[in-house]
Protein backbone atom coordinates (compact mmCIF):
# COMPACT_ATOMS: atom_id res chain seq x y z
CA MET A 1 7.47 11.10 1.73
CA GLY A 2 9.02 8.77 -0.82
CA ALA A 3 10.76 6.75 1.86
CA SER A 4 7.48 6.19 3.69
CA MET A 5 5.82 5.08 0.45
CA VAL A 6 8.62 2.57 -0.15
CA ARG A 7 8.19 1.14 3.36
CA HIS A 8 4.47 0.62 2.78
CA LEU A 9 5.20 -1.14 -0.53
CA LEU A 10 7.80 -3.38 1.11
CA ASN A 11 5.42 -4.21 3.94
CA ALA A 12 2.79 -5.13 1.35
CA GLY A 13 5.19 -7.66 -0.17
CA HIS A 14 6.32 -5.79 -3.27
CA GLU A 15 9.85 -6.02 -4.62
CA VAL A 16 11.06 -2.43 -4.67
CA HIS A 17 14.10 -1.04 -6.47
CA VAL A 18 15.19 2.42 -5.32
CA TYR A 19 17.33 5.33 -6.42
CA ASN A 20 18.06 8.69 -4.84
CA ARG A 21 20.60 11.32 -5.84
CA THR A 22 21.82 11.12 -2.23
CA LYS A 23 22.44 7.40 -1.78
CA LYS A 24 22.60 7.46 2.02
CA LYS A 25 18.94 8.52 2.11
CA THR A 26 18.07 5.00 0.93
CA ASP A 27 20.31 3.13 3.40
CA SER A 28 17.50 2.34 5.83
CA LEU A 29 15.26 1.27 2.94
CA VAL A 30 17.90 -1.11 1.61
CA GLU A 31 18.25 -2.52 5.13
CA ALA A 32 14.49 -3.07 5.09
CA GLY A 33 14.67 -5.00 1.82
CA ALA A 34 14.70 -2.48 -1.01
CA ILE A 35 17.22 -3.00 -3.82
CA TRP A 36 19.54 -0.10 -4.67
CA GLN A 37 20.06 0.88 -8.32
CA GLU A 38 22.53 3.41 -9.74
CA SER A 39 20.12 5.55 -11.78
CA PRO A 40 16.45 6.02 -12.69
CA ALA A 41 17.15 4.08 -15.89
CA GLU A 42 18.49 1.12 -13.90
CA VAL A 43 15.37 1.14 -11.71
CA MET A 44 13.23 1.08 -14.86
CA LYS A 45 15.19 -1.86 -16.29
CA GLN A 46 14.35 -3.89 -13.18
CA SER A 47 10.71 -2.83 -12.91
CA ASN A 48 7.39 -2.87 -14.72
CA VAL A 49 5.99 0.03 -12.69
CA ILE A 50 8.10 3.01 -11.65
CA ILE A 51 7.09 5.75 -9.21
CA THR A 52 8.90 9.07 -8.98
CA ILE A 53 8.58 11.85 -6.43
CA VAL A 54 11.18 14.62 -6.60
CA GLY A 55 11.34 18.36 -5.93
CA TYR A 56 10.86 20.54 -8.98
CA PRO A 57 9.74 20.25 -12.62
CA THR A 58 13.42 20.50 -13.66
CA ASP A 59 14.08 17.41 -11.52
CA VAL A 60 11.20 15.61 -13.21
CA GLU A 61 12.63 16.52 -16.64
CA GLU A 62 16.03 15.11 -15.70
CA THR A 63 14.58 11.97 -14.12
CA TYR A 64 12.55 11.11 -17.22
CA PHE A 65 14.40 12.66 -20.15
CA GLY A 66 18.01 12.86 -18.87
CA GLU A 67 20.94 10.75 -20.04
CA LYS A 68 20.27 8.17 -17.32
CA GLY A 69 16.56 8.86 -17.29
CA ILE A 70 13.60 6.53 -17.21
CA LEU A 71 12.58 6.98 -20.84
CA ASN A 72 15.95 5.67 -22.01
CA ALA A 73 15.18 2.32 -20.40
CA VAL A 74 11.40 2.05 -20.59
CA LYS A 75 9.94 -1.15 -22.04
CA SER A 76 6.66 -1.77 -23.82
CA GLY A 77 3.91 -2.25 -21.25
CA ASP A 78 5.72 -0.43 -18.43
CA VAL A 79 3.78 2.08 -16.34
CA LEU A 80 5.36 5.38 -15.26
CA ILE A 81 3.81 7.23 -12.32
CA ASP A 82 5.08 10.68 -11.41
CA MET A 83 3.86 11.78 -7.99
CA THR A 84 5.80 15.05 -7.93
CA THR A 85 3.70 18.19 -7.82
CA SER A 86 4.66 19.54 -11.22
CA GLN A 87 3.39 21.26 -14.35
CA PRO A 88 0.37 19.77 -16.15
CA SER A 89 2.11 20.36 -19.49
CA LEU A 90 5.09 18.28 -18.34
CA ALA A 91 2.75 15.48 -17.30
CA VAL A 92 1.32 15.47 -20.83
CA LYS A 93 4.86 15.48 -22.30
CA ILE A 94 5.78 12.39 -20.25
CA TYR A 95 2.50 10.69 -21.18
CA GLU A 96 3.11 11.25 -24.90
CA ALA A 97 6.76 10.14 -24.70
CA ALA A 98 5.74 6.97 -22.89
CA LYS A 99 3.08 6.19 -25.49
CA GLU A 100 5.68 6.48 -28.27
CA LYS A 101 7.62 3.67 -26.57
CA GLY A 102 4.58 1.47 -25.98
CA ALA A 103 4.42 2.34 -22.29
CA GLU A 104 1.83 4.10 -20.16
CA ALA A 105 2.08 7.10 -17.83
CA LEU A 106 0.06 8.69 -15.05
CA ASP A 107 0.52 11.96 -13.20
CA ALA A 108 -0.42 11.29 -9.58
CA PRO A 109 0.57 14.09 -7.18
CA VAL A 110 -0.35 13.60 -3.55
CA SER A 111 -1.57 15.61 -0.57
CA GLY A 112 -1.26 14.75 3.11
CA GLY A 113 2.31 15.69 3.93
CA ASP A 114 4.78 13.63 5.92
CA LYS A 115 2.11 12.28 8.27
CA GLY A 116 -0.07 11.14 5.40
CA ALA A 117 2.87 9.30 3.87
CA GLN A 118 3.84 7.71 7.18
CA ASN A 119 0.28 6.63 7.92
CA GLY A 120 -0.48 5.47 4.39
CA THR A 121 -3.37 7.91 4.09
CA LEU A 122 -2.25 10.15 1.23
CA THR A 123 -4.78 11.68 -1.13
CA THR A 124 -3.62 10.72 -4.62
CA MET A 125 -4.94 12.71 -7.59
CA VAL A 126 -4.49 10.97 -10.91
CA GLY A 127 -4.43 11.98 -14.56
CA GLY A 128 -4.18 9.50 -17.43
CA ASP A 129 -6.02 6.62 -19.07
CA GLN A 130 -8.71 4.70 -17.20
CA ALA A 131 -7.24 1.28 -18.06
CA THR A 132 -3.79 2.29 -16.79
CA PHE A 133 -5.31 3.68 -13.62
CA GLU A 134 -7.21 0.48 -12.91
CA LYS A 135 -4.06 -1.57 -13.51
CA VAL A 136 -1.97 0.23 -10.87
CA LYS A 137 -4.63 1.43 -8.43
CA PRO A 138 -3.90 -1.50 -6.03
CA ILE A 139 -0.31 -0.22 -5.80
CA LEU A 140 -1.41 3.36 -5.13
CA ASP A 141 -3.90 2.11 -2.55
CA VAL A 142 -1.02 0.70 -0.47
CA PHE A 143 -0.02 4.18 0.73
CA SER A 144 -3.15 6.20 -0.04
CA GLY A 145 -6.37 6.84 1.81
CA LYS A 146 -8.18 8.09 -1.29
CA VAL A 147 -7.18 7.58 -4.93
CA MET A 148 -9.21 9.07 -7.77
CA LEU A 149 -8.77 9.42 -11.53
CA GLN A 150 -9.62 13.03 -12.37
CA GLY A 151 -9.31 12.89 -16.16
CA PRO A 152 -6.74 12.63 -18.96
CA ALA A 153 -3.00 13.29 -18.64
CA GLY A 154 -2.33 16.48 -16.70
CA SER A 155 -5.59 16.30 -14.74
CA GLY A 156 -3.88 15.01 -11.61
CA GLN A 157 -1.59 18.03 -11.63
CA HIS A 158 -4.48 20.43 -12.22
CA THR A 159 -6.31 18.85 -9.28
CA LYS A 160 -3.23 19.26 -7.10
CA MET A 161 -3.09 22.94 -8.07
CA ALA A 162 -6.68 23.30 -6.89
CA ASN A 163 -5.64 21.58 -3.67
CA GLN A 164 -2.69 23.95 -3.15
CA ILE A 165 -4.89 26.98 -3.83
CA MET A 166 -7.16 25.86 -1.00
CA ILE A 167 -4.23 25.18 1.33
CA ALA A 168 -2.83 28.64 0.60
CA GLY A 169 -6.02 30.07 2.07
CA THR A 170 -6.14 27.80 5.10
CA MET A 171 -2.47 28.40 5.96
CA THR A 172 -2.80 32.18 5.84
CA GLY A 173 -6.07 31.95 7.76
CA MET A 174 -4.51 29.77 10.45
CA THR A 175 -1.50 32.01 10.97
CA GLU A 176 -3.58 35.20 11.07
CA LEU A 177 -5.99 33.55 13.54
CA MET A 178 -3.09 32.66 15.83
CA ALA A 179 -1.45 36.08 15.47
CA TYR A 180 -4.74 37.81 16.30
CA ALA A 181 -5.53 35.55 19.28
CA LYS A 182 -2.07 36.07 20.77
CA ALA A 183 -2.24 39.86 20.28
CA ALA A 184 -5.63 39.89 22.04
CA GLY A 185 -4.11 38.18 25.07
CA LEU A 186 -6.01 34.93 24.60
CA ASP A 187 -4.80 31.42 25.29
CA VAL A 188 -4.07 30.45 21.69
CA ALA A 189 -4.34 26.70 22.34
CA LYS A 190 -7.80 27.13 23.90
CA VAL A 191 -8.94 29.30 21.00
CA ILE A 192 -7.81 26.68 18.50
CA GLU A 193 -9.50 23.90 20.48
CA GLN A 194 -12.82 25.70 20.34
CA VAL A 195 -12.88 27.26 16.88
CA GLY A 196 -11.38 24.11 15.38
CA SER A 197 -14.52 22.21 16.35
CA GLY A 198 -16.74 24.67 14.48
CA ALA A 199 -16.95 26.20 11.03
CA ALA A 200 -13.31 27.36 11.22
CA GLY A 201 -12.04 23.80 11.50
CA ASN A 202 -9.73 22.66 8.70
CA TRP A 203 -6.79 20.32 8.03
CA SER A 204 -4.13 23.01 8.34
CA LEU A 205 -5.43 24.15 11.71
CA ALA A 206 -5.68 20.60 13.06
CA ASN A 207 -2.28 19.46 11.84
CA TYR A 208 -0.04 22.51 11.86
CA SER A 209 -1.17 24.65 14.79
CA PRO A 210 -0.01 22.00 17.32
CA ARG A 211 3.44 22.11 15.72
CA ILE A 212 3.56 25.89 15.99
CA LEU A 213 2.53 25.78 19.65
CA THR A 214 5.47 23.45 20.37
CA ASP A 215 7.91 25.48 18.23
CA ASP A 216 8.18 22.62 15.75
CA TYR A 217 8.98 24.08 12.35
CA SER A 218 10.39 20.89 10.85
CA PRO A 219 9.23 20.32 7.28
CA GLY A 220 6.21 18.17 6.75
CA PHE A 221 6.23 20.19 3.54
CA PHE A 222 9.02 22.61 2.66
CA VAL A 223 8.37 26.34 2.29
CA LYS A 224 10.47 26.33 -0.90
CA HIS A 225 8.33 23.57 -2.40
CA PHE A 226 5.09 25.34 -1.51
CA ILE A 227 6.35 28.49 -3.25
CA LYS A 228 7.09 26.33 -6.31
CA ASP A 229 3.55 24.92 -6.20
CA LEU A 230 1.90 28.31 -5.84
CA LYS A 231 3.91 29.68 -8.76
CA ILE A 232 2.75 26.78 -10.93
CA ALA A 233 -0.85 27.32 -9.80
CA LEU A 234 -0.70 31.01 -10.68
CA GLU A 235 0.94 30.30 -14.04
CA GLU A 236 -1.80 27.79 -14.88
CA ALA A 237 -4.51 30.16 -13.66
CA ASP A 238 -3.12 32.87 -15.93
CA LYS A 239 -3.32 30.48 -18.90
CA LEU A 240 -6.95 29.78 -17.96
CA GLY A 241 -7.76 33.47 -17.54
CA VAL A 242 -8.56 33.08 -13.83
CA ASP A 243 -7.51 35.77 -11.34
CA LEU A 244 -6.47 34.37 -7.95
CA PRO A 245 -5.67 37.32 -5.65
CA GLY A 246 -5.71 35.25 -2.45
CA THR A 247 -3.24 32.74 -3.86
CA THR A 248 -1.07 35.59 -5.12
CA LEU A 249 -0.98 37.07 -1.62
CA ALA A 250 -0.09 33.70 -0.09
CA LYS A 251 2.75 33.26 -2.59
CA ASP A 252 4.07 36.73 -1.74
CA LEU A 253 3.92 35.99 2.00
CA TYR A 254 5.80 32.72 1.58
CA GLU A 255 8.43 34.44 -0.55
CA ARG A 256 8.88 36.97 2.27
CA LEU A 257 9.26 34.06 4.68
CA ALA A 258 11.88 32.41 2.46
CA GLY A 259 13.70 35.73 2.30
CA LYS A 260 14.00 35.59 6.09
CA GLY A 261 15.84 32.29 5.83
CA PHE A 262 12.96 29.83 6.31
CA GLU A 263 12.92 28.26 2.83
CA ASP A 264 13.85 24.84 4.28
CA ALA A 265 11.37 25.05 7.16
CA GLY A 266 7.88 23.58 7.16
CA THR A 267 5.03 25.66 5.79
CA GLN A 268 3.78 26.28 9.35
CA ALA A 269 6.77 28.63 9.76
CA LEU A 270 4.60 31.28 8.09
CA ILE A 271 3.72 32.37 11.65
CA LYS A 272 7.29 33.73 11.85
CA LEU A 273 6.11 36.74 9.85
CA TRP A 274 4.13 37.66 13.02
CA TRP A 275 5.96 35.85 15.81
CA GLU A 276 9.66 36.52 15.95
CA ALA A 277 12.05 33.58 16.14
């Protein structure tokens, strides 16, 4: 997803400095005009706005607070935007650390998967100060279809948790629909075509069922990352005193799927719990 975002920024005329722990992943971006740097801190030294999107909260911690992290090089007036799906409390920690150095920070996780990133239609959910949001919204608009400020620091992450809770339900619903239709001897593609145009229609069904029907389990979004997201959502729900049995079930199903060796597959591989590989 990050690579697609960089391409959109380059195409929009922005100077973009890049870093990845696996340098070869940026080779095509450098060929397209991006400028390689040796660490997150070096990217920050060359930039006024920095965008991060990594895997896990531990990666976010290292990227911002590590020895070669962003906060060791941040300058007064810089804007830090973390687009990783992470913990709301960590978003607040980054926001407060940035403020201490005269900088600004937003948490801005996204939804839309690989296709959304490629098409520049991501849904970007933002937490932070209004003035900071207005300052960088034109940048976020470059690769987003809808960008909204949801509230103070951490609010973007809370909104993303709400998003993932909903997706947990649509993914389990889609896979059970397909498992049922196949067991009943129906043409699964025809069933999806019809029910998808009615009240059962949803993003997961429209975007992931075609991949399943062509045995495409490549990761638009990794199983292991979805498990991470659902764990964060359940942890936050517990803090809020909210019981989420459906999300708990989805998390358990995805953990079973990972246990079968599909942790690096796309989330649509959930059907493998019903349809054997």
